[in-house]
Amino acid sequence: MGIAVPKGAVVTSPEAAADAVATIDGEAVLKAQAWTTARFKQGLIRFATTAADATAITRELLARQISGYPVTHVLVEEKIDIAEEYFASLIISDTESAPVLIFSATGGSGVEEIVREHPDKVAYFTIDVRNGIRDFEARNLVRRTGIHGKAQQAIAGILVKLWQTARKFEARSLEINPLVKTRDGRFLAADCRITIDDYAVYRHPELGIEIARELNHPPTDLEKIAYKIEKKMTIVARFILSRWLPILRKPIATSDFTVRVVAAR
């Protein structure tokens, strides 16, 4: 969606990790892809400078299990020289009954901690889904946190793309933390996470989501079968509603309704 990320690749084998490191100039970062926080403290983020290092580290990471889930993917990417860290997030707010974009001029921790420690560095914008967030609105949002000039313009462009990404994939939440400015002037999404609405997953097979449930264990075969049945029932129900709702909403005479019901039978 046009948001720059560090150079790298997602791998599933030690050999692929070695190949990925060979394409990176300098030190590489290897991040186990797992549903957990504080990955660095758990030894799930490691560093490598050679293909041999990458092979050994990836083999170790792929042998790990985190909260019952085996680590099956490792992100291998360039180690970036960070000058500034920011936080950007989009959530569906129950209070506002609308998407809310959150931006902080301070990143690197959870939004609750940022708001508590740096309230003057955090700004919010409630999005009208009919218009989205426009460039000038995004720039104003960033300006309220004390950022100006070229940085304000660059970050505003990323926030607009953040909204567009969430809208395209029907996300319930989307977070970039940290969004960084490197010492050579690049703005990169250094770490991201996205949560897709359960009821929208079937419309996005390109995402490869096998089962739209937040489980505390890998899905069993029975759970996979149950979800496939549920997905088919949801599709059928939506199809039926799309055909009948226009009829039920239309003012019609009693005799006309009787004819329609008989015809439907």
C-alpha atoms as a PDB file:
ATOM      1  CA  MET A   1       0.000   0.000   0.000  1.00  0.00           C
ATOM      2  CA  GLY A   2       2.981   2.273  -0.428  1.00  0.00           C
ATOM      3  CA  ILE A   3       4.257   2.375   3.173  1.00  0.00           C
ATOM      4  CA  ALA A   4       8.009   1.744   3.162  1.00  0.00           C
ATOM      5  CA  VAL A   5       9.446  -1.036   5.309  1.00  0.00           C
ATOM      6  CA  PRO A   6      13.019  -2.185   5.972  1.00  0.00           C
ATOM      7  CA  LYS A   7      14.588  -4.327   3.270  1.00  0.00           C
ATOM      8  CA  GLY A   8      14.158  -8.011   3.985  1.00  0.00           C
ATOM      9  CA  ALA A   9      12.092 -11.168   3.552  1.00  0.00           C
ATOM     10  CA  VAL A  10       9.970 -13.644   5.517  1.00  0.00           C
ATOM     11  CA  VAL A  11      11.510 -17.116   5.556  1.00  0.00           C
ATOM     12  CA  THR A  12      10.499 -20.578   6.740  1.00  0.00           C
ATOM     13  CA  SER A  13      13.847 -22.378   6.674  1.00  0.00           C
ATOM     14  CA  PRO A  14      17.461 -21.772   7.775  1.00  0.00           C
ATOM     15  CA  GLU A  15      18.611 -21.997   4.154  1.00  0.00           C
ATOM     16  CA  ALA A  16      16.209 -19.261   3.068  1.00  0.00           C
ATOM     17  CA  ALA A  17      17.420 -17.084   5.942  1.00  0.00           C
ATOM     18  CA  ALA A  18      20.998 -17.424   4.730  1.00  0.00           C
ATOM     19  CA  ASP A  19      19.938 -16.358   1.241  1.00  0.00           C
ATOM     20  CA  ALA A  20      18.047 -13.359   2.653  1.00  0.00           C
ATOM     21  CA  VAL A  21      21.023 -12.186   4.738  1.00  0.00           C
ATOM     22  CA  ALA A  22      23.224 -12.326   1.643  1.00  0.00           C
ATOM     23  CA  THR A  23      21.076  -9.601   0.036  1.00  0.00           C
ATOM     24  CA  ILE A  24      21.445  -7.227   3.004  1.00  0.00           C
ATOM     25  CA  ASP A  25      24.375  -4.879   3.443  1.00  0.00           C
ATOM     26  CA  GLY A  26      25.648  -4.957   7.018  1.00  0.00           C
ATOM     27  CA  GLU A  27      23.983  -6.510  10.043  1.00  0.00           C
ATOM     28  CA  ALA A  28      20.587  -8.187   9.750  1.00  0.00           C
ATOM     29  CA  VAL A  29      17.798  -8.563  12.300  1.00  0.00           C
ATOM     30  CA  LEU A  30      15.963 -11.879  12.629  1.00  0.00           C
ATOM     31  CA  LYS A  31      12.509 -11.663  14.216  1.00  0.00           C
ATOM     32  CA  ALA A  32      10.434 -14.712  15.092  1.00  0.00           C
ATOM     33  CA  GLN A  33       6.857 -14.149  13.947  1.00  0.00           C
ATOM     34  CA  ALA A  34       4.834 -15.019  17.027  1.00  0.00           C
ATOM     35  CA  TRP A  35       1.664 -13.831  18.815  1.00  0.00           C
ATOM     36  CA  THR A  36       3.438 -12.264  21.749  1.00  0.00           C
ATOM     37  CA  THR A  37       4.905  -9.048  23.074  1.00  0.00           C
ATOM     38  CA  ALA A  38       8.372  -8.283  24.460  1.00  0.00           C
ATOM     39  CA  ARG A  39       9.976 -10.472  21.810  1.00  0.00           C
ATOM     40  CA  PHE A  40      13.456  -9.106  22.440  1.00  0.00           C
ATOM     41  CA  LYS A  41      13.341 -10.095  26.113  1.00  0.00           C
ATOM     42  CA  GLN A  42      12.218 -13.582  25.105  1.00  0.00           C
ATOM     43  CA  GLY A  43      15.157 -14.009  22.729  1.00  0.00           C
ATOM     44  CA  LEU A  44      12.883 -13.909  19.688  1.00  0.00           C
ATOM     45  CA  ILE A  45      14.782 -11.029  18.071  1.00  0.00           C
ATOM     46  CA  ARG A  46      18.384 -11.805  17.167  1.00  0.00           C
ATOM     47  CA  PHE A  47      21.153 -10.316  15.013  1.00  0.00           C
ATOM     48  CA  ALA A  48      23.339 -11.847  12.318  1.00  0.00           C
ATOM     49  CA  THR A  49      26.150 -10.616  10.099  1.00  0.00           C
ATOM     50  CA  THR A  50      26.888 -13.782   8.109  1.00  0.00           C
ATOM     51  CA  ALA A  51      24.908 -16.491   6.355  1.00  0.00           C
ATOM     52  CA  ALA A  52      26.213 -19.031   8.858  1.00  0.00           C
ATOM     53  CA  ASP A  53      24.950 -16.931  11.769  1.00  0.00           C
ATOM     54  CA  ALA A  54      21.554 -16.563  10.108  1.00  0.00           C
ATOM     55  CA  THR A  55      21.293 -20.306   9.472  1.00  0.00           C
ATOM     56  CA  ALA A  56      22.063 -21.209  13.083  1.00  0.00           C
ATOM     57  CA  ILE A  57      19.800 -18.528  14.604  1.00  0.00           C
ATOM     58  CA  THR A  58      16.854 -19.339  12.327  1.00  0.00           C
ATOM     59  CA  ARG A  59      17.155 -23.028  13.167  1.00  0.00           C
ATOM     60  CA  GLU A  60      16.935 -22.134  16.859  1.00  0.00           C
ATOM     61  CA  LEU A  61      13.970 -19.794  16.374  1.00  0.00           C
ATOM     62  CA  LEU A  62      12.001 -22.309  14.288  1.00  0.00           C
ATOM     63  CA  ALA A  63      12.410 -24.837  17.096  1.00  0.00           C
ATOM     64  CA  ARG A  64      10.678 -22.520  19.592  1.00  0.00           C
ATOM     65  CA  GLN A  65       7.063 -22.661  20.758  1.00  0.00           C
ATOM     66  CA  ILE A  66       5.411 -19.499  22.065  1.00  0.00           C
ATOM     67  CA  SER A  67       2.136 -19.795  24.014  1.00  0.00           C
ATOM     68  CA  GLY A  68       1.499 -23.168  22.451  1.00  0.00           C
ATOM     69  CA  TYR A  69       2.207 -21.987  18.907  1.00  0.00           C
ATOM     70  CA  PRO A  70       5.242 -23.259  17.007  1.00  0.00           C
ATOM     71  CA  VAL A  71       7.322 -20.540  15.334  1.00  0.00           C
ATOM     72  CA  THR A  72       6.948 -21.212  11.601  1.00  0.00           C
ATOM     73  CA  HIS A  73       8.127 -17.915  10.072  1.00  0.00           C
ATOM     74  CA  VAL A  74      11.092 -15.626  10.668  1.00  0.00           C
ATOM     75  CA  LEU A  75      11.417 -12.081   9.349  1.00  0.00           C
ATOM     76  CA  VAL A  76      14.947 -11.313   8.144  1.00  0.00           C
ATOM     77  CA  GLU A  77      15.524  -7.608   7.536  1.00  0.00           C
ATOM     78  CA  GLU A  78      18.163  -4.903   7.505  1.00  0.00           C
ATOM     79  CA  LYS A  79      19.207  -3.374  10.811  1.00  0.00           C
ATOM     80  CA  ILE A  80      18.230   0.277  10.590  1.00  0.00           C
ATOM     81  CA  ASP A  81      19.899   3.275  12.190  1.00  0.00           C
ATOM     82  CA  ILE A  82      17.006   5.012  13.973  1.00  0.00           C
ATOM     83  CA  ALA A  83      16.981   8.753  14.617  1.00  0.00           C
ATOM     84  CA  GLU A  84      13.348   9.203  15.739  1.00  0.00           C
ATOM     85  CA  GLU A  85      10.505   6.889  16.760  1.00  0.00           C
ATOM     86  CA  TYR A  86       6.756   7.543  16.399  1.00  0.00           C
ATOM     87  CA  PHE A  87       3.526   5.637  16.997  1.00  0.00           C
ATOM     88  CA  ALA A  88       0.574   5.380  14.585  1.00  0.00           C
ATOM     89  CA  SER A  89      -2.604   3.365  14.983  1.00  0.00           C
ATOM     90  CA  LEU A  90      -6.117   3.084  13.623  1.00  0.00           C
ATOM     91  CA  ILE A  91      -8.875   1.476  15.685  1.00  0.00           C
ATOM     92  CA  ILE A  92     -12.639   1.077  15.406  1.00  0.00           C
ATOM     93  CA  SER A  93     -13.878   3.032  18.420  1.00  0.00           C
ATOM     94  CA  ASP A  94     -17.050   1.826  20.157  1.00  0.00           C
ATOM     95  CA  THR A  95     -17.351   5.238  21.805  1.00  0.00           C
ATOM     96  CA  GLU A  96     -17.211   7.157  18.528  1.00  0.00           C
ATOM     97  CA  SER A  97     -18.846   4.433  16.431  1.00  0.00           C
ATOM     98  CA  ALA A  98     -16.217   5.262  13.830  1.00  0.00           C
ATOM     99  CA  PRO A  99     -12.562   4.667  12.975  1.00  0.00           C
ATOM    100  CA  VAL A 100     -10.160   6.752  15.066  1.00  0.00           C
ATOM    101  CA  LEU A 101      -6.614   7.520  13.964  1.00  0.00           C
ATOM    102  CA  ILE A 102      -4.060   7.935  16.752  1.00  0.00           C
ATOM    103  CA  PHE A 103      -0.631   9.461  16.255  1.00  0.00           C
ATOM    104  CA  SER A 104       2.130  10.028  18.787  1.00  0.00           C
ATOM    105  CA  ALA A 105       5.428  11.864  18.330  1.00  0.00           C
ATOM    106  CA  THR A 106       6.869   9.310  20.782  1.00  0.00           C
ATOM    107  CA  GLY A 107       6.985   5.608  19.949  1.00  0.00           C
ATOM    108  CA  GLY A 108       8.484   2.393  21.185  1.00  0.00           C
ATOM    109  CA  SER A 109       5.876   1.395  23.791  1.00  0.00           C
ATOM    110  CA  GLY A 110       2.134   0.771  24.087  1.00  0.00           C
ATOM    111  CA  VAL A 111      -0.289   3.601  23.433  1.00  0.00           C
ATOM    112  CA  GLU A 112      -1.599   3.508  27.014  1.00  0.00           C
ATOM    113  CA  GLU A 113       1.892   4.124  28.368  1.00  0.00           C
ATOM    114  CA  ILE A 114       2.536   6.887  25.815  1.00  0.00           C
ATOM    115  CA  VAL A 115      -0.697   8.703  26.696  1.00  0.00           C
ATOM    116  CA  ARG A 116       0.094   8.466  30.404  1.00  0.00           C
ATOM    117  CA  GLU A 117       3.674   9.707  30.110  1.00  0.00           C
ATOM    118  CA  HIS A 118       3.464  12.068  27.098  1.00  0.00           C
ATOM    119  CA  PRO A 119      -0.144  13.313  26.717  1.00  0.00           C
ATOM    120  CA  ASP A 120       1.008  16.424  24.818  1.00  0.00           C
ATOM    121  CA  LYS A 121       2.646  14.203  22.185  1.00  0.00           C
ATOM    122  CA  VAL A 122      -0.553  12.326  21.262  1.00  0.00           C
ATOM    123  CA  ALA A 123      -3.313  13.455  18.886  1.00  0.00           C
ATOM    124  CA  TYR A 124      -6.538  11.814  17.683  1.00  0.00           C
ATOM    125  CA  PHE A 125      -8.705  12.144  14.587  1.00  0.00           C
ATOM    126  CA  THR A 126     -12.169  10.613  14.135  1.00  0.00           C
ATOM    127  CA  ILE A 127     -12.578   9.557  10.500  1.00  0.00           C
ATOM    128  CA  ASP A 128     -15.743  10.075   8.492  1.00  0.00           C
ATOM    129  CA  VAL A 129     -15.812   6.857   6.452  1.00  0.00           C
ATOM    130  CA  ARG A 130     -17.433   8.687   3.560  1.00  0.00           C
ATOM    131  CA  ASN A 131     -14.430  10.970   3.111  1.00  0.00           C
ATOM    132  CA  GLY A 132     -11.595   9.111   4.803  1.00  0.00           C
ATOM    133  CA  ILE A 133      -8.754  11.250   6.072  1.00  0.00           C
ATOM    134  CA  ARG A 134      -7.494  13.872   3.646  1.00  0.00           C
ATOM    135  CA  ASP A 135      -3.935  15.147   3.344  1.00  0.00           C
ATOM    136  CA  PHE A 136      -4.576  18.450   5.106  1.00  0.00           C
ATOM    137  CA  GLU A 137      -6.360  16.667   7.974  1.00  0.00           C
ATOM    138  CA  ALA A 138      -3.444  14.278   8.390  1.00  0.00           C
ATOM    139  CA  ARG A 139      -0.971  17.175   8.393  1.00  0.00           C
ATOM    140  CA  ASN A 140      -3.011  18.983  11.056  1.00  0.00           C
ATOM    141  CA  LEU A 141      -3.054  15.825  13.163  1.00  0.00           C
ATOM    142  CA  VAL A 142       0.742  15.523  13.027  1.00  0.00           C
ATOM    143  CA  ARG A 143       1.205  19.275  13.632  1.00  0.00           C
ATOM    144  CA  ARG A 144      -0.724  19.019  16.905  1.00  0.00           C
ATOM    145  CA  THR A 145       2.046  16.791  18.287  1.00  0.00           C
ATOM    146  CA  GLY A 146       4.716  19.416  17.564  1.00  0.00           C
ATOM    147  CA  ILE A 147       6.119  18.039  14.294  1.00  0.00           C
ATOM    148  CA  HIS A 148       6.600  20.454  11.389  1.00  0.00           C
ATOM    149  CA  GLY A 149       8.275  20.795   7.999  1.00  0.00           C
ATOM    150  CA  LYS A 150       9.210  17.868   5.778  1.00  0.00           C
ATOM    151  CA  ALA A 151       8.746  15.349   8.580  1.00  0.00           C
ATOM    152  CA  GLN A 152       5.133  16.493   9.031  1.00  0.00           C
ATOM    153  CA  GLN A 153       4.438  16.054   5.322  1.00  0.00           C
ATOM    154  CA  ALA A 154       6.075  12.616   5.138  1.00  0.00           C
ATOM    155  CA  ILE A 155       4.288  11.272   8.217  1.00  0.00           C
ATOM    156  CA  ALA A 156       0.930  12.668   7.067  1.00  0.00           C
ATOM    157  CA  GLY A 157       1.284  10.754   3.805  1.00  0.00           C
ATOM    158  CA  ILE A 158       1.897   7.549   5.750  1.00  0.00           C
ATOM    159  CA  LEU A 159      -1.189   8.148   7.922  1.00  0.00           C
ATOM    160  CA  VAL A 160      -3.374   8.546   4.832  1.00  0.00           C
ATOM    161  CA  LYS A 161      -2.011   5.242   3.503  1.00  0.00           C
ATOM    162  CA  LEU A 162      -2.586   3.638   6.901  1.00  0.00           C
ATOM    163  CA  TRP A 163      -6.289   4.490   6.623  1.00  0.00           C
ATOM    164  CA  GLN A 164      -6.431   3.266   3.021  1.00  0.00           C
ATOM    165  CA  THR A 165      -4.862  -0.054   4.043  1.00  0.00           C
ATOM    166  CA  ALA A 166      -7.310  -0.519   6.913  1.00  0.00           C
ATOM    167  CA  ARG A 167     -10.247   0.301   4.641  1.00  0.00           C
ATOM    168  CA  LYS A 168      -9.102  -2.030   1.856  1.00  0.00           C
ATOM    169  CA  PHE A 169      -8.633  -5.045   4.121  1.00  0.00           C
ATOM    170  CA  GLU A 170     -11.519  -4.229   6.505  1.00  0.00           C
ATOM    171  CA  ALA A 171      -9.288  -4.077   9.578  1.00  0.00           C
ATOM    172  CA  ARG A 172     -10.548  -3.666  13.136  1.00  0.00           C
ATOM    173  CA  SER A 173      -7.161  -2.265  14.086  1.00  0.00           C
ATOM    174  CA  LEU A 174      -3.855  -1.456  12.428  1.00  0.00           C
ATOM    175  CA  GLU A 175      -0.738  -0.331  14.266  1.00  0.00           C
ATOM    176  CA  ILE A 176       2.749   0.828  13.288  1.00  0.00           C
ATOM    177  CA  ASN A 177       4.997   0.855  16.333  1.00  0.00           C
ATOM    178  CA  PRO A 178       7.504   2.116  15.862  1.00  0.00           C
ATOM    179  CA  LEU A 179       7.199   4.253  12.785  1.00  0.00           C
ATOM    180  CA  VAL A 180      10.765   5.503  12.450  1.00  0.00           C
ATOM    181  CA  LYS A 181      12.871   8.155  10.803  1.00  0.00           C
ATOM    182  CA  THR A 182      16.330   6.823   9.994  1.00  0.00           C
ATOM    183  CA  ARG A 183      19.515   8.864  10.190  1.00  0.00           C
ATOM    184  CA  ASP A 184      19.641   8.938   6.392  1.00  0.00           C
ATOM    185  CA  GLY A 185      16.165  10.533   6.290  1.00  0.00           C
ATOM    186  CA  ARG A 186      13.909   7.581   5.436  1.00  0.00           C
ATOM    187  CA  PHE A 187      10.519   7.015   7.096  1.00  0.00           C
ATOM    188  CA  LEU A 188       9.866   3.297   7.642  1.00  0.00           C
ATOM    189  CA  ALA A 189       7.270   1.119   9.323  1.00  0.00           C
ATOM    190  CA  ALA A 190       9.700  -0.805  11.525  1.00  0.00           C
ATOM    191  CA  ASP A 191       7.057  -3.037  13.115  1.00  0.00           C
ATOM    192  CA  CYS A 192       3.383  -3.462  12.249  1.00  0.00           C
ATOM    193  CA  ARG A 193       0.344  -5.472  13.228  1.00  0.00           C
ATOM    194  CA  ILE A 194      -3.128  -5.678  11.713  1.00  0.00           C
ATOM    195  CA  THR A 195      -6.340  -7.325  12.923  1.00  0.00           C
ATOM    196  CA  ILE A 196      -8.923  -8.159  10.261  1.00  0.00           C
ATOM    197  CA  ASP A 197     -12.613  -8.189  11.137  1.00  0.00           C
ATOM    198  CA  ASP A 198     -13.659 -11.829  11.585  1.00  0.00           C
ATOM    199  CA  TYR A 199     -16.695 -11.399   9.353  1.00  0.00           C
ATOM    200  CA  ALA A 200     -14.617  -9.882   6.541  1.00  0.00           C
ATOM    201  CA  VAL A 201     -11.966 -12.587   6.341  1.00  0.00           C
ATOM    202  CA  TYR A 202     -13.838 -14.639   3.729  1.00  0.00           C
ATOM    203  CA  ARG A 203     -13.691 -11.649   1.371  1.00  0.00           C
ATOM    204  CA  HIS A 204      -9.885 -11.604   1.514  1.00  0.00           C
ATOM    205  CA  PRO A 205      -8.528 -15.023   0.532  1.00  0.00           C
ATOM    206  CA  GLU A 206      -5.330 -13.278  -0.580  1.00  0.00           C
ATOM    207  CA  LEU A 207      -4.398 -12.865   3.099  1.00  0.00           C
ATOM    208  CA  GLY A 208      -4.186 -16.626   3.609  1.00  0.00           C
ATOM    209  CA  ILE A 209      -6.045 -16.596   6.949  1.00  0.00           C
ATOM    210  CA  GLU A 210      -7.015 -20.193   7.609  1.00  0.00           C
ATOM    211  CA  ILE A 211      -9.450 -19.609  10.462  1.00  0.00           C
ATOM    212  CA  ALA A 212     -10.806 -16.265  11.665  1.00  0.00           C
ATOM    213  CA  ARG A 213     -10.620 -16.884  15.376  1.00  0.00           C
ATOM    214  CA  GLU A 214      -8.303 -15.634  18.120  1.00  0.00           C
ATOM    215  CA  LEU A 215      -7.414 -18.960  19.703  1.00  0.00           C
ATOM    216  CA  ASN A 216      -4.857 -19.639  22.413  1.00  0.00           C
ATOM    217  CA  HIS A 217      -3.666 -22.701  20.501  1.00  0.00           C
ATOM    218  CA  PRO A 218      -3.136 -23.789  16.893  1.00  0.00           C
ATOM    219  CA  PRO A 219      -6.521 -24.652  15.317  1.00  0.00           C
ATOM    220  CA  THR A 220      -7.427 -28.322  15.423  1.00  0.00           C
ATOM    221  CA  ASP A 221      -8.772 -30.192  12.387  1.00  0.00           C
ATOM    222  CA  LEU A 222     -12.251 -30.132  13.931  1.00  0.00           C
ATOM    223  CA  GLU A 223     -12.094 -26.361  14.471  1.00  0.00           C
ATOM    224  CA  LYS A 224     -11.005 -25.889  10.853  1.00  0.00           C
ATOM    225  CA  ILE A 225     -13.953 -27.944   9.604  1.00  0.00           C
ATOM    226  CA  ALA A 226     -16.386 -26.059  11.865  1.00  0.00           C
ATOM    227  CA  TYR A 227     -15.088 -22.721  10.612  1.00  0.00           C
ATOM    228  CA  LYS A 228     -15.464 -23.748   6.951  1.00  0.00           C
ATOM    229  CA  ILE A 229     -19.102 -24.683   7.616  1.00  0.00           C
ATOM    230  CA  GLU A 230     -19.709 -21.408   9.448  1.00  0.00           C
ATOM    231  CA  LYS A 231     -18.109 -19.431   6.616  1.00  0.00           C
ATOM    232  CA  LYS A 232     -20.351 -21.071   4.022  1.00  0.00           C
ATOM    233  CA  MET A 233     -23.442 -20.411   6.166  1.00  0.00           C
ATOM    234  CA  THR A 234     -22.438 -16.743   6.508  1.00  0.00           C
ATOM    235  CA  ILE A 235     -22.062 -16.385   2.738  1.00  0.00           C
ATOM    236  CA  VAL A 236     -25.465 -18.018   2.145  1.00  0.00           C
ATOM    237  CA  ALA A 237     -27.148 -15.830   4.778  1.00  0.00           C
ATOM    238  CA  ARG A 238     -25.683 -12.669   3.247  1.00  0.00           C
ATOM    239  CA  PHE A 239     -26.877 -13.746  -0.191  1.00  0.00           C
ATOM    240  CA  ILE A 240     -30.412 -14.365   1.079  1.00  0.00           C
ATOM    241  CA  LEU A 241     -30.515 -11.010   2.868  1.00  0.00           C
ATOM    242  CA  SER A 242     -29.257  -9.206  -0.219  1.00  0.00           C
ATOM    243  CA  ARG A 243     -32.171 -10.681  -2.225  1.00  0.00           C
ATOM    244  CA  TRP A 244     -34.974 -10.271   0.334  1.00  0.00           C
ATOM    245  CA  LEU A 245     -34.173  -7.031   2.152  1.00  0.00           C
ATOM    246  CA  PRO A 246     -34.983  -4.807  -0.852  1.00  0.00           C
ATOM    247  CA  ILE A 247     -38.345  -6.609  -1.135  1.00  0.00           C
ATOM    248  CA  LEU A 248     -39.181  -6.347   2.560  1.00  0.00           C
ATOM    249  CA  ARG A 249     -38.235  -2.657   2.683  1.00  0.00           C
ATOM    250  CA  LYS A 250     -40.457  -1.802  -0.289  1.00  0.00           C
ATOM    251  CA  PRO A 251     -44.042  -0.748   0.623  1.00  0.00           C
ATOM    252  CA  ILE A 252     -46.315  -3.367  -0.950  1.00  0.00           C
ATOM    253  CA  ALA A 253     -49.975  -4.332  -0.786  1.00  0.00           C
ATOM    254  CA  THR A 254     -51.035  -7.375   1.254  1.00  0.00           C
ATOM    255  CA  SER A 255     -52.161  -9.223  -1.855  1.00  0.00           C
ATOM    256  CA  ASP A 256     -48.838  -8.491  -3.518  1.00  0.00           C
ATOM    257  CA  PHE A 257     -46.959  -9.851  -0.486  1.00  0.00           C
ATOM    258  CA  THR A 258     -49.123 -13.019  -0.554  1.00  0.00           C
ATOM    259  CA  VAL A 259     -48.297 -13.560  -4.213  1.00  0.00           C
ATOM    260  CA  ARG A 260     -44.582 -13.110  -3.516  1.00  0.00           C
ATOM    261  CA  VAL A 261     -44.633 -15.600  -0.640  1.00  0.00           C
ATOM    262  CA  VAL A 262     -46.526 -18.209  -2.675  1.00  0.00           C
ATOM    263  CA  ALA A 263     -44.119 -17.714  -5.566  1.00  0.00           C
ATOM    264  CA  ALA A 264     -41.150 -18.115  -3.220  1.00  0.00           C
ATOM    265  CA  ARG A 265     -42.535 -21.420  -1.969  1.00  0.00           C
END
